[in-house]
N, C-alpha and C. Protein backbone atom coordinates (compact mmCIF):
# COMPACT_ATOMS: atom_id res chain seq x y z
N UNK A 1 158.03 34.03 142.60
CA UNK A 1 157.04 32.90 141.79
C UNK A 1 156.28 31.68 142.20
N UNK A 2 156.69 31.13 143.49
CA UNK A 2 156.25 30.36 144.35
C UNK A 2 155.00 30.65 144.58
N UNK A 3 154.74 31.93 145.40
CA UNK A 3 153.47 32.10 145.50
C UNK A 3 152.76 31.92 144.91
N UNK A 4 152.57 32.44 143.77
CA UNK A 4 151.14 32.66 142.95
C UNK A 4 150.90 31.13 142.67
N UNK A 5 151.87 30.22 142.59
CA UNK A 5 151.44 28.74 142.03
C UNK A 5 150.59 28.14 143.33
N UNK A 6 151.12 28.32 144.79
CA UNK A 6 150.87 27.62 145.89
C UNK A 6 149.32 28.72 146.06
N UNK A 7 149.12 29.55 145.81
CA UNK A 7 148.05 30.42 145.72
C UNK A 7 146.85 29.46 145.49
N UNK A 8 147.50 29.52 144.07
CA UNK A 8 146.27 29.06 142.89
C UNK A 8 146.08 27.33 143.26
N UNK A 9 146.88 26.69 143.92
CA UNK A 9 146.72 25.06 144.26
C UNK A 9 145.82 25.47 145.40
N UNK A 10 145.45 26.47 146.50
CA UNK A 10 144.62 26.44 147.42
C UNK A 10 143.13 27.23 146.82
N UNK A 11 143.45 27.88 145.81
CA UNK A 11 142.05 28.37 145.27
C UNK A 11 141.66 26.60 144.51
N UNK A 12 142.47 26.21 143.94
CA UNK A 12 141.63 24.47 143.85
C UNK A 12 141.26 23.89 144.59
N UNK A 13 141.69 23.61 145.14
CA UNK A 13 141.48 22.52 146.57
C UNK A 13 140.33 23.29 147.81
N UNK A 14 139.84 24.76 147.65
CA UNK A 14 139.33 25.28 148.34
C UNK A 14 137.46 24.88 147.44
N UNK A 15 138.15 25.10 146.26
CA UNK A 15 136.80 25.05 145.26
C UNK A 15 136.58 23.70 145.19
N UNK A 16 136.99 23.05 144.96
CA UNK A 16 136.77 21.52 145.16
C UNK A 16 135.75 21.32 146.70
N UNK A 17 136.54 21.58 148.18
CA UNK A 17 135.82 21.41 148.88
C UNK A 17 134.20 21.58 148.80
N UNK A 18 134.06 23.13 148.35
CA UNK A 18 132.92 23.68 148.32
C UNK A 18 131.68 22.95 147.45
N UNK A 19 132.66 22.16 145.94
CA UNK A 19 131.78 21.57 145.38
C UNK A 19 131.68 20.52 145.44
N UNK A 20 132.55 19.72 146.32
CA UNK A 20 131.76 18.59 146.83
C UNK A 20 130.52 18.69 148.62
N UNK A 21 130.38 20.25 148.49
CA UNK A 21 129.55 20.27 149.90
C UNK A 21 129.80 19.84 151.15
N UNK A 22 131.15 20.33 151.55
CA UNK A 22 131.34 20.21 153.13
C UNK A 22 131.62 21.33 153.50
N UNK A 23 131.13 21.57 154.86
CA UNK A 23 131.70 22.21 155.73
C UNK A 23 132.92 22.43 156.60
N UNK A 24 134.18 21.72 156.23
CA UNK A 24 135.31 21.46 156.17
C UNK A 24 135.18 20.56 157.85
N UNK A 25 134.07 20.18 158.40
CA UNK A 25 133.92 18.89 159.25
C UNK A 25 133.00 17.97 158.48
N UNK A 26 133.15 17.69 157.38
CA UNK A 26 131.91 16.68 157.00
C UNK A 26 130.08 17.21 156.45
N UNK A 27 130.22 18.31 157.08
CA UNK A 27 128.42 18.85 157.03
C UNK A 27 128.68 19.61 156.07
N UNK A 28 127.23 20.20 155.75
CA UNK A 28 127.40 21.21 154.57
C UNK A 28 126.98 22.47 154.99
N UNK A 29 127.34 23.70 154.31
CA UNK A 29 126.96 24.70 154.32
C UNK A 29 125.73 25.22 152.91
N UNK A 30 124.31 25.78 153.77
CA UNK A 30 123.67 26.22 153.52
C UNK A 30 124.21 27.11 152.30
N UNK A 31 123.45 27.10 151.04
CA UNK A 31 123.31 28.14 150.41
C UNK A 31 125.03 28.31 149.63
N UNK A 32 125.92 27.47 149.79
CA UNK A 32 127.34 27.61 149.43
C UNK A 32 127.39 28.32 147.64
N UNK A 33 126.46 27.04 147.15
CA UNK A 33 126.62 27.31 145.86
C UNK A 33 125.45 27.85 145.00
N UNK A 34 125.34 29.22 144.78
CA UNK A 34 123.84 29.53 144.25
C UNK A 34 124.13 29.89 143.08
N UNK A 35 124.58 29.33 142.24
CA UNK A 35 124.35 29.70 140.43
C UNK A 35 124.65 28.16 140.13
N UNK A 36 123.71 27.58 138.51
CA UNK A 36 122.69 28.55 138.34
C UNK A 36 121.31 28.80 139.25
N UNK A 37 121.04 28.25 140.32
CA UNK A 37 119.75 27.79 140.78
C UNK A 37 119.78 28.36 142.44
N UNK A 38 119.25 29.61 142.71
CA UNK A 38 119.58 30.18 144.08
C UNK A 38 118.65 29.67 145.29
N UNK A 39 119.33 29.61 145.88
CA UNK A 39 118.68 29.02 146.78
C UNK A 39 117.32 29.45 147.32
N UNK A 40 116.11 28.35 147.97
CA UNK A 40 115.07 28.81 148.60
C UNK A 40 115.10 29.31 149.85
N UNK A 41 115.28 29.95 150.29
CA UNK A 41 115.02 30.33 151.88
C UNK A 41 114.15 30.12 152.61
N UNK A 42 112.65 29.96 152.10
CA UNK A 42 111.46 29.41 152.88
C UNK A 42 110.80 28.35 151.96
N UNK A 43 110.41 27.13 152.31
CA UNK A 43 109.24 26.72 151.23
C UNK A 43 108.23 27.08 151.31
N UNK A 44 107.66 27.93 152.14
CA UNK A 44 106.64 28.61 152.62
C UNK A 44 106.37 29.99 151.05
N UNK A 45 107.82 30.23 150.62
CA UNK A 45 107.51 31.54 149.11
C UNK A 45 107.58 30.73 147.80
N UNK A 46 106.49 29.82 147.46
CA UNK A 46 106.00 28.93 146.29
C UNK A 46 106.95 29.57 145.35
N UNK A 47 106.96 30.78 144.93
CA UNK A 47 107.51 31.27 143.43
C UNK A 47 108.46 30.76 144.00
N UNK A 48 109.47 31.36 144.59
CA UNK A 48 110.91 30.62 145.10
C UNK A 48 111.53 29.05 144.88
N UNK A 49 110.41 28.59 145.56
CA UNK A 49 110.49 26.74 145.13
C UNK A 49 110.18 26.66 144.13
N UNK A 50 109.12 27.13 142.77
CA UNK A 50 109.35 26.49 141.80
C UNK A 50 110.31 26.98 140.96
N UNK A 51 110.90 28.00 141.12
CA UNK A 51 111.69 29.37 140.21
C UNK A 51 113.07 27.40 140.62
N UNK A 52 113.34 27.80 141.80
CA UNK A 52 114.49 27.07 141.91
C UNK A 52 114.27 25.41 141.41
N UNK A 53 112.74 24.48 141.34
CA UNK A 53 112.45 23.49 141.57
C UNK A 53 113.19 23.34 139.57
N UNK A 54 112.26 23.83 139.11
CA UNK A 54 112.59 24.31 137.59
C UNK A 54 113.75 24.26 136.99
N UNK A 55 114.83 24.92 137.67
CA UNK A 55 116.00 25.16 137.64
C UNK A 55 117.16 23.78 137.45
N UNK A 56 116.36 23.32 138.75
CA UNK A 56 117.77 22.65 139.03
C UNK A 56 117.05 21.01 138.31
N UNK A 57 115.65 21.09 137.60
CA UNK A 57 115.67 19.84 137.08
C UNK A 57 115.81 20.24 135.55
N UNK A 58 115.55 21.56 134.57
CA UNK A 58 116.47 22.13 133.89
C UNK A 58 117.80 21.71 133.89
N UNK A 59 118.48 21.51 134.92
CA UNK A 59 120.23 21.83 135.03
C UNK A 59 120.49 20.11 134.44
N UNK A 60 119.90 19.21 135.26
CA UNK A 60 119.66 17.65 135.01
C UNK A 60 119.44 17.00 133.74
N UNK A 61 118.35 17.36 133.36
CA UNK A 61 117.84 17.39 132.13
C UNK A 61 118.57 17.61 130.83
N UNK A 62 119.80 18.57 131.50
CA UNK A 62 121.16 19.00 130.35
C UNK A 62 121.95 18.56 131.12
N UNK A 63 122.36 17.66 131.88
CA UNK A 63 123.60 16.78 132.30
C UNK A 63 124.32 17.96 132.92
N UNK A 64 124.17 19.22 133.49
CA UNK A 64 124.61 19.62 133.89
C UNK A 64 124.79 19.36 135.29
N UNK A 65 125.92 19.21 135.98
CA UNK A 65 125.83 19.48 137.45
C UNK A 65 125.56 20.46 138.28
N UNK A 66 124.72 20.57 139.29
CA UNK A 66 124.13 21.23 140.04
C UNK A 66 123.85 20.62 141.65
N UNK A 67 124.12 22.28 142.57
CA UNK A 67 123.35 22.24 143.85
C UNK A 67 122.42 22.62 144.07
N UNK A 68 121.27 22.41 144.32
CA UNK A 68 120.14 23.57 144.86
C UNK A 68 119.86 23.13 146.58
N UNK A 69 119.83 24.29 147.18
CA UNK A 69 119.68 24.09 148.42
C UNK A 69 118.00 24.81 148.66
N UNK A 70 116.71 24.22 149.76
CA UNK A 70 115.90 24.76 150.29
C UNK A 70 115.32 25.15 151.72
N UNK A 71 115.18 25.61 152.24
CA UNK A 71 114.08 25.86 153.35
C UNK A 71 113.38 25.05 153.90
N UNK A 72 112.85 24.41 154.48
CA UNK A 72 111.39 23.74 154.54
C UNK A 72 111.45 23.88 155.97
N UNK A 73 110.20 23.71 156.39
CA UNK A 73 109.34 24.32 157.60
C UNK A 73 108.48 22.99 158.14
N UNK A 74 108.70 22.85 159.98
CA UNK A 74 107.58 21.77 160.43
C UNK A 74 106.78 22.81 161.07
N UNK A 75 105.57 21.87 160.96
CA UNK A 75 104.43 22.95 161.29
C UNK A 75 104.47 23.53 162.65
N UNK A 76 105.71 23.34 163.57
CA UNK A 76 105.91 24.04 164.74
C UNK A 76 106.77 25.08 164.59
N UNK A 77 107.82 25.23 163.18
CA UNK A 77 108.84 26.00 162.83
C UNK A 77 109.96 25.74 163.04
N UNK A 78 110.29 24.44 163.07
CA UNK A 78 111.52 23.39 163.23
C UNK A 78 111.99 23.50 162.20
N UNK A 79 113.46 24.21 161.77
CA UNK A 79 114.09 24.74 160.25
C UNK A 79 114.53 22.64 159.81
N UNK A 80 114.28 22.62 158.56
CA UNK A 80 114.46 21.44 157.47
C UNK A 80 115.12 21.75 156.70
N UNK A 81 116.18 21.74 156.33
CA UNK A 81 117.06 21.94 155.09
C UNK A 81 117.26 20.93 154.24
N UNK A 82 117.04 21.18 152.95
CA UNK A 82 117.44 19.58 151.95
C UNK A 82 117.89 20.60 151.21
N UNK A 83 119.13 19.82 150.38
CA UNK A 83 119.80 19.68 149.35
C UNK A 83 119.65 18.91 148.46
N UNK A 84 119.44 19.22 147.14
CA UNK A 84 119.07 18.65 146.07
C UNK A 84 120.87 18.88 145.56
N UNK A 85 121.07 17.21 144.85
CA UNK A 85 122.68 17.83 143.95
C UNK A 85 122.65 16.56 142.94
N UNK A 86 123.23 16.73 141.93
CA UNK A 86 123.44 16.29 140.77
C UNK A 86 124.78 16.31 140.07
N UNK A 87 125.66 15.05 140.45
CA UNK A 87 126.63 15.20 139.60
C UNK A 87 127.09 14.60 138.37
N UNK A 88 125.78 14.66 137.42
CA UNK A 88 126.43 14.55 136.57
C UNK A 88 125.48 13.00 135.58
N UNK A 89 125.28 12.36 136.93
CA UNK A 89 124.68 10.79 136.67
C UNK A 89 123.90 10.80 137.67
N UNK A 90 123.92 11.06 138.87
CA UNK A 90 123.11 10.72 139.82
C UNK A 90 122.75 11.61 140.66
N UNK A 91 121.62 12.01 141.12
CA UNK A 91 120.76 12.75 141.83
C UNK A 91 121.31 12.44 143.16
N UNK A 92 121.30 13.29 144.14
CA UNK A 92 121.15 13.12 145.79
C UNK A 92 120.64 13.78 146.21
N UNK A 93 119.77 13.43 147.13
CA UNK A 93 118.16 14.41 147.97
C UNK A 93 119.07 14.06 149.54
N UNK A 94 119.62 15.68 149.79
CA UNK A 94 119.69 15.40 151.86
C UNK A 94 118.69 15.97 152.07
N UNK A 95 118.24 15.44 153.36
CA UNK A 95 117.00 15.82 154.39
C UNK A 95 117.37 15.80 155.59
N UNK A 96 117.72 16.77 156.22
CA UNK A 96 118.30 17.38 157.74
C UNK A 96 117.43 17.51 158.91
N UNK A 97 117.02 16.81 159.55
CA UNK A 97 116.28 16.68 160.23
C UNK A 97 116.18 16.85 161.63
N UNK A 98 118.09 17.17 161.94
CA UNK A 98 118.52 17.23 163.17
C UNK A 98 117.74 18.00 164.40
N UNK A 99 117.38 19.58 163.38
CA UNK A 99 116.56 20.00 164.47
C UNK A 99 115.10 20.09 164.51
N UNK A 100 114.75 18.42 163.91
CA UNK A 100 113.08 18.74 164.00
C UNK A 100 112.64 18.55 165.87
N UNK A 101 112.20 19.12 166.56
CA UNK A 101 112.10 18.32 167.93
C UNK A 101 111.03 17.53 168.33
N UNK A 102 109.93 17.40 167.31
CA UNK A 102 109.51 16.01 167.05
C UNK A 102 109.52 15.22 165.87
N UNK A 103 110.36 15.40 165.37
CA UNK A 103 110.62 14.00 164.12
C UNK A 103 111.90 13.18 164.61
N UNK A 104 112.54 12.56 163.62
CA UNK A 104 113.78 11.65 163.75
C UNK A 104 114.56 12.03 164.18
N UNK A 105 115.23 13.19 163.73
CA UNK A 105 116.24 13.71 163.86
C UNK A 105 117.56 13.07 163.19
N UNK A 106 117.43 12.36 162.32
CA UNK A 106 118.18 11.78 161.17
C UNK A 106 118.21 13.17 160.08
N UNK A 107 119.77 12.54 159.77
CA UNK A 107 119.57 12.87 158.29
C UNK A 107 120.11 11.98 157.00
N UNK A 108 118.96 12.30 156.34
CA UNK A 108 118.57 11.12 155.56
C UNK A 108 119.50 11.34 153.96
N UNK A 109 120.32 10.76 153.05
CA UNK A 109 120.68 10.76 152.04
C UNK A 109 119.99 10.15 151.30
N UNK A 110 119.49 9.99 150.15
CA UNK A 110 119.04 9.34 148.86
C UNK A 110 119.76 9.41 147.38
N UNK A 111 120.13 8.48 147.21
CA UNK A 111 120.78 8.47 145.62
C UNK A 111 119.79 8.15 144.57
N UNK A 112 119.41 8.70 143.81
CA UNK A 112 118.35 8.68 142.66
C UNK A 112 118.94 8.46 141.43
N UNK A 113 118.03 7.46 140.55
CA UNK A 113 118.41 7.64 139.37
C UNK A 113 117.95 8.59 138.56
N UNK A 114 117.14 9.28 139.19
CA UNK A 114 116.66 10.80 138.62
C UNK A 114 115.62 11.18 139.41
N UNK A 115 115.19 12.63 139.28
CA UNK A 115 114.20 13.50 139.40
C UNK A 115 112.84 13.93 139.03
N UNK A 116 111.98 13.95 139.67
CA UNK A 116 110.90 14.78 138.68
C UNK A 116 110.17 15.67 139.29
N UNK A 117 109.84 16.90 138.24
CA UNK A 117 109.19 18.10 139.12
C UNK A 117 107.51 18.12 139.33
N UNK A 118 107.14 18.93 139.98
CA UNK A 118 105.82 18.98 139.71
C UNK A 118 105.19 19.75 140.50
N UNK A 119 104.18 19.99 141.32
CA UNK A 119 103.92 20.95 142.30
C UNK A 119 105.25 20.48 143.50
N UNK A 120 105.02 21.48 144.13
CA UNK A 120 106.75 21.56 145.76
C UNK A 120 107.49 21.33 144.76
N UNK A 121 108.24 20.45 145.84
CA UNK A 121 109.59 20.08 145.47
C UNK A 121 110.07 18.99 144.74
N UNK A 122 111.16 18.94 143.94
CA UNK A 122 111.06 17.69 142.96
C UNK A 122 111.30 16.27 144.38
N UNK A 123 111.06 14.98 143.21
CA UNK A 123 110.89 14.02 143.93
C UNK A 123 111.71 13.08 143.12
N UNK A 124 112.46 12.28 143.99
CA UNK A 124 113.78 10.97 142.84
C UNK A 124 112.71 10.05 142.77
N UNK A 125 113.21 9.73 142.09
CA UNK A 125 112.75 8.38 141.19
C UNK A 125 114.19 7.54 141.73
N UNK A 126 113.43 6.07 142.04
CA UNK A 126 114.86 4.73 141.81
C UNK A 126 115.19 5.13 142.48
N UNK A 127 115.12 5.72 144.25
CA UNK A 127 116.10 5.94 145.29
C UNK A 127 116.60 5.02 146.14
N UNK A 128 117.65 4.75 146.63
CA UNK A 128 118.27 4.29 148.09
C UNK A 128 118.66 4.98 149.09
N UNK A 129 118.36 4.77 150.30
CA UNK A 129 118.68 5.66 150.92
C UNK A 129 119.12 5.33 151.97
N UNK A 130 120.59 6.30 153.25
CA UNK A 130 121.10 5.83 153.64
C UNK A 130 121.26 7.11 154.61
N UNK A 131 122.22 7.02 156.00
CA UNK A 131 122.78 8.09 156.86
C UNK A 131 123.39 9.21 155.90
N UNK A 132 123.38 10.86 156.49
CA UNK A 132 124.43 11.59 155.35
C UNK A 132 124.32 12.69 156.55
N UNK A 133 125.46 13.45 155.67
CA UNK A 133 125.84 14.49 156.70
C UNK A 133 125.19 15.25 156.86
N UNK A 134 124.80 16.19 157.85
CA UNK A 134 123.76 17.37 157.93
C UNK A 134 124.42 18.81 157.46
N UNK A 135 123.88 19.83 157.82
CA UNK A 135 124.22 21.03 157.20
C UNK A 135 124.74 21.79 159.11
N UNK A 136 125.72 22.47 158.61
CA UNK A 136 126.30 23.37 159.34
C UNK A 136 125.39 24.56 160.24
N UNK A 137 125.17 24.32 161.34
CA UNK A 137 123.89 25.04 162.23
C UNK A 137 124.18 26.88 161.56
N UNK A 138 125.17 27.22 161.53
CA UNK A 138 125.60 28.82 161.83
C UNK A 138 125.72 29.14 160.09
N UNK A 139 125.57 27.73 159.07
CA UNK A 139 125.17 28.57 157.95
C UNK A 139 123.34 28.46 157.42
N UNK A 140 123.09 28.17 158.45
CA UNK A 140 121.41 28.36 158.16
C UNK A 140 120.68 29.57 158.28
N UNK A 141 119.73 30.14 157.46
CA UNK A 141 118.80 31.28 157.64
C UNK A 141 117.98 30.64 158.56
N UNK A 142 117.68 32.39 159.15
CA UNK A 142 116.29 32.12 160.32
C UNK A 142 115.47 32.59 159.88
């Protein structure tokens, strides 16, 4: 009987770690939560971006915690993964530019009071910015 209880605790801990957006070392795993808003693997796929953005904004409007990842690319082809998270209170937008050869190389975490949609990616409203944790390289789509 001890094993099932231990297994249940491990499952709960693993689920909590996934929901926290951690890759084990503080970094994020791209696409680790695909429900209800599937990751958009390329910002070039406008249909996937529009669908994902609409899903994210709908979940935020309903007050449901949600995570949505989108892969953006620079003109030179460098990946810029972006995570949109809503915890039921605040929206967090994490933009990981560490793989951008000509960019800042920073990870920026914006905590926002709300988010608005429109054409393209959602935009945060009333945000504060700080450094954040980036994405694990091995988890990024190519």
